[in-house]
Amino acid sequence: MADSVQQRLTTISEPNRFRIVELLRDGPRSVGEIVDALSLGQPQVSRHLRLLAEAQVVESTKRAQQRIYRLRPESMREVSDWVRSFAVLWSERMDRLGSFLDDDHASDEANERGV
């Protein structure tokens, strides 16, 4: 899983691909709609979409003469799960820091009372 998450994060980190992912978060779009929204050339958008598809971030279907792209929720779920694993780590560390500060504060109060 770590390799696929790394590939997806690397792919999404490019600013134009990040913007494409944000556009597709709101729903499927045709290549033409993405071109218009980003003010990029069609060849550039197609290249970015190809890279996103290779990283399994997006998938496409053909409707008449158009290619419609949408996010692959399962791939984004893997990224979300990976990020969430760090949130748990930070939460535990913040809890330990809070306990330490509480203990230190209680010790300071006891010293002030002369205990």
C-alpha atoms as a PDB file:
ATOM      1  CA  MET A   1       0.000   0.000   0.000  1.00  0.00           C
ATOM      2  CA  ALA A   2       2.810   2.435   0.829  1.00  0.00           C
ATOM      3  CA  ASP A   3       4.171   2.328  -2.720  1.00  0.00           C
ATOM      4  CA  SER A   4       0.789   3.094  -4.286  1.00  0.00           C
ATOM      5  CA  VAL A   5       0.166   5.907  -1.793  1.00  0.00           C
ATOM      6  CA  GLN A   6       3.597   7.362  -2.544  1.00  0.00           C
ATOM      7  CA  GLN A   7       2.934   7.215  -6.288  1.00  0.00           C
ATOM      8  CA  ARG A   8      -0.439   8.906  -5.857  1.00  0.00           C
ATOM      9  CA  LEU A   9       0.929  11.642  -3.616  1.00  0.00           C
ATOM     10  CA  THR A  10       3.826  12.278  -5.997  1.00  0.00           C
ATOM     11  CA  THR A  11       1.440  12.457  -8.935  1.00  0.00           C
ATOM     12  CA  ILE A  12      -1.078  14.706  -7.177  1.00  0.00           C
ATOM     13  CA  SER A  13       1.616  17.045  -5.856  1.00  0.00           C
ATOM     14  CA  GLU A  14       2.117  18.669  -9.268  1.00  0.00           C
ATOM     15  CA  PRO A  15       0.025  21.878  -9.126  1.00  0.00           C
ATOM     16  CA  ASN A  16      -2.011  21.337 -12.314  1.00  0.00           C
ATOM     17  CA  ARG A  17      -2.785  17.734 -11.429  1.00  0.00           C
ATOM     18  CA  PHE A  18      -3.771  18.878  -7.922  1.00  0.00           C
ATOM     19  CA  ARG A  19      -6.204  21.349  -9.522  1.00  0.00           C
ATOM     20  CA  ILE A  20      -7.619  18.589 -11.747  1.00  0.00           C
ATOM     21  CA  VAL A  21      -8.206  16.395  -8.690  1.00  0.00           C
ATOM     22  CA  GLU A  22      -9.970  19.302  -6.974  1.00  0.00           C
ATOM     23  CA  LEU A  23     -12.196  19.816 -10.036  1.00  0.00           C
ATOM     24  CA  LEU A  24     -13.080  16.135 -10.188  1.00  0.00           C
ATOM     25  CA  ARG A  25     -13.935  16.115  -6.483  1.00  0.00           C
ATOM     26  CA  ASP A  26     -17.118  17.943  -7.485  1.00  0.00           C
ATOM     27  CA  GLY A  27     -18.013  15.256 -10.036  1.00  0.00           C
ATOM     28  CA  PRO A  28     -17.041  13.802 -13.409  1.00  0.00           C
ATOM     29  CA  ARG A  29     -15.909  16.164 -16.160  1.00  0.00           C
ATOM     30  CA  SER A  30     -14.993  15.926 -19.793  1.00  0.00           C
ATOM     31  CA  VAL A  31     -11.505  16.771 -20.992  1.00  0.00           C
ATOM     32  CA  GLY A  32     -12.940  19.921 -22.600  1.00  0.00           C
ATOM     33  CA  GLU A  33     -14.473  21.059 -19.318  1.00  0.00           C
ATOM     34  CA  ILE A  34     -11.154  20.543 -17.551  1.00  0.00           C
ATOM     35  CA  VAL A  35      -9.318  22.453 -20.296  1.00  0.00           C
ATOM     36  CA  ASP A  36     -11.749  25.358 -19.933  1.00  0.00           C
ATOM     37  CA  ALA A  37     -11.608  25.381 -16.138  1.00  0.00           C
ATOM     38  CA  LEU A  38      -7.797  25.370 -15.981  1.00  0.00           C
ATOM     39  CA  SER A  39      -7.048  27.519 -19.033  1.00  0.00           C
ATOM     40  CA  LEU A  40      -4.493  24.951 -20.169  1.00  0.00           C
ATOM     41  CA  GLY A  41      -4.033  23.454 -23.593  1.00  0.00           C
ATOM     42  CA  GLN A  42      -5.771  20.173 -24.384  1.00  0.00           C
ATOM     43  CA  PRO A  43      -2.466  18.297 -24.883  1.00  0.00           C
ATOM     44  CA  GLN A  44      -1.272  19.436 -21.426  1.00  0.00           C
ATOM     45  CA  VAL A  45      -4.510  18.399 -19.746  1.00  0.00           C
ATOM     46  CA  SER A  46      -4.496  15.042 -21.542  1.00  0.00           C
ATOM     47  CA  ARG A  47      -0.925  14.393 -20.377  1.00  0.00           C
ATOM     48  CA  HIS A  48      -1.842  15.228 -16.761  1.00  0.00           C
ATOM     49  CA  LEU A  49      -4.935  13.014 -16.959  1.00  0.00           C
ATOM     50  CA  ARG A  50      -2.859  10.145 -18.366  1.00  0.00           C
ATOM     51  CA  LEU A  51      -0.446  10.416 -15.421  1.00  0.00           C
ATOM     52  CA  LEU A  52      -3.333  10.569 -12.944  1.00  0.00           C
ATOM     53  CA  ALA A  53      -4.855   7.476 -14.594  1.00  0.00           C
ATOM     54  CA  GLU A  54      -1.525   5.611 -14.410  1.00  0.00           C
ATOM     55  CA  ALA A  55      -1.413   6.381 -10.681  1.00  0.00           C
ATOM     56  CA  GLN A  56      -5.023   5.097 -10.490  1.00  0.00           C
ATOM     57  CA  VAL A  57      -6.271   8.413  -9.132  1.00  0.00           C
ATOM     58  CA  VAL A  58      -8.771   8.862 -11.981  1.00  0.00           C
ATOM     59  CA  GLU A  59     -10.545   6.699 -14.510  1.00  0.00           C
ATOM     60  CA  SER A  60     -12.313   7.532 -17.723  1.00  0.00           C
ATOM     61  CA  THR A  61     -15.294   6.412 -19.715  1.00  0.00           C
ATOM     62  CA  LYS A  62     -16.153   7.255 -23.274  1.00  0.00           C
ATOM     63  CA  ARG A  63     -19.402   9.062 -24.007  1.00  0.00           C
ATOM     64  CA  ALA A  64     -19.911   9.635 -27.732  1.00  0.00           C
ATOM     65  CA  GLN A  65     -16.838  11.631 -28.798  1.00  0.00           C
ATOM     66  CA  GLN A  66     -15.873  12.678 -25.268  1.00  0.00           C
ATOM     67  CA  ARG A  67     -13.778  11.143 -22.542  1.00  0.00           C
ATOM     68  CA  ILE A  68     -15.302  11.695 -19.121  1.00  0.00           C
ATOM     69  CA  TYR A  69     -12.959  11.535 -16.123  1.00  0.00           C
ATOM     70  CA  ARG A  70     -13.852  10.892 -12.516  1.00  0.00           C
ATOM     71  CA  LEU A  71     -11.910  10.302  -9.302  1.00  0.00           C
ATOM     72  CA  ARG A  72     -11.414   6.740  -8.135  1.00  0.00           C
ATOM     73  CA  PRO A  73     -12.696   6.967  -4.540  1.00  0.00           C
ATOM     74  CA  GLU A  74     -10.879   3.813  -3.440  1.00  0.00           C
ATOM     75  CA  SER A  75      -7.489   5.279  -4.361  1.00  0.00           C
ATOM     76  CA  MET A  76      -8.235   8.483  -2.483  1.00  0.00           C
ATOM     77  CA  ARG A  77      -9.405   6.405   0.491  1.00  0.00           C
ATOM     78  CA  GLU A  78      -5.972   4.738   0.638  1.00  0.00           C
ATOM     79  CA  VAL A  79      -4.313   8.169   0.722  1.00  0.00           C
ATOM     80  CA  SER A  80      -6.771   9.345   3.379  1.00  0.00           C
ATOM     81  CA  ASP A  81      -6.133   6.252   5.507  1.00  0.00           C
ATOM     82  CA  TRP A  82      -2.376   6.792   5.241  1.00  0.00           C
ATOM     83  CA  VAL A  83      -2.664  10.449   6.308  1.00  0.00           C
ATOM     84  CA  ARG A  84      -5.067   9.519   9.115  1.00  0.00           C
ATOM     85  CA  SER A  85      -2.470   7.116  10.526  1.00  0.00           C
ATOM     86  CA  PHE A  86      -0.260  10.130  11.198  1.00  0.00           C
ATOM     87  CA  ALA A  87      -3.129  12.016  12.820  1.00  0.00           C
ATOM     88  CA  VAL A  88      -3.387   9.217  15.383  1.00  0.00           C
ATOM     89  CA  LEU A  89       0.356   9.465  16.041  1.00  0.00           C
ATOM     90  CA  TRP A  90       0.153  13.234  16.576  1.00  0.00           C
ATOM     91  CA  SER A  91      -2.916  12.884  18.762  1.00  0.00           C
ATOM     92  CA  GLU A  92      -1.078  10.427  21.019  1.00  0.00           C
ATOM     93  CA  ARG A  93       1.921  12.749  21.221  1.00  0.00           C
ATOM     94  CA  MET A  94      -0.264  15.740  22.051  1.00  0.00           C
ATOM     95  CA  ASP A  95      -2.014  13.708  24.771  1.00  0.00           C
ATOM     96  CA  ARG A  96       1.375  12.837  26.294  1.00  0.00           C
ATOM     97  CA  LEU A  97       2.435  16.487  26.116  1.00  0.00           C
ATOM     98  CA  GLY A  98      -0.811  17.515  27.813  1.00  0.00           C
ATOM     99  CA  SER A  99      -0.229  14.975  30.595  1.00  0.00           C
ATOM    100  CA  PHE A 100       3.328  16.187  31.049  1.00  0.00           C
ATOM    101  CA  LEU A 101       2.221  19.815  31.263  1.00  0.00           C
ATOM    102  CA  ASP A 102      -0.565  18.925  33.715  1.00  0.00           C
ATOM    103  CA  ASP A 103       1.910  17.034  35.926  1.00  0.00           C
ATOM    104  CA  ASP A 104       4.426  19.887  35.688  1.00  0.00           C
ATOM    105  CA  HIS A 105       1.734  22.447  36.566  1.00  0.00           C
ATOM    106  CA  ALA A 106       0.614  20.354  39.577  1.00  0.00           C
ATOM    107  CA  SER A 107       4.242  20.086  40.714  1.00  0.00           C
ATOM    108  CA  ASP A 108       4.684  23.889  40.449  1.00  0.00           C
ATOM    109  CA  GLU A 109       1.510  24.460  42.512  1.00  0.00           C
ATOM    110  CA  ALA A 110       2.714  22.017  45.189  1.00  0.00           C
ATOM    111  CA  ASN A 111       6.071  23.791  45.354  1.00  0.00           C
ATOM    112  CA  GLU A 112       4.342  27.162  45.733  1.00  0.00           C
ATOM    113  CA  ARG A 113       2.322  25.781  48.690  1.00  0.00           C
ATOM    114  CA  GLY A 114       5.500  24.427  50.212  1.00  0.00           C
ATOM    115  CA  VAL A 115       4.476  20.807  49.979  1.00  0.00           C
END
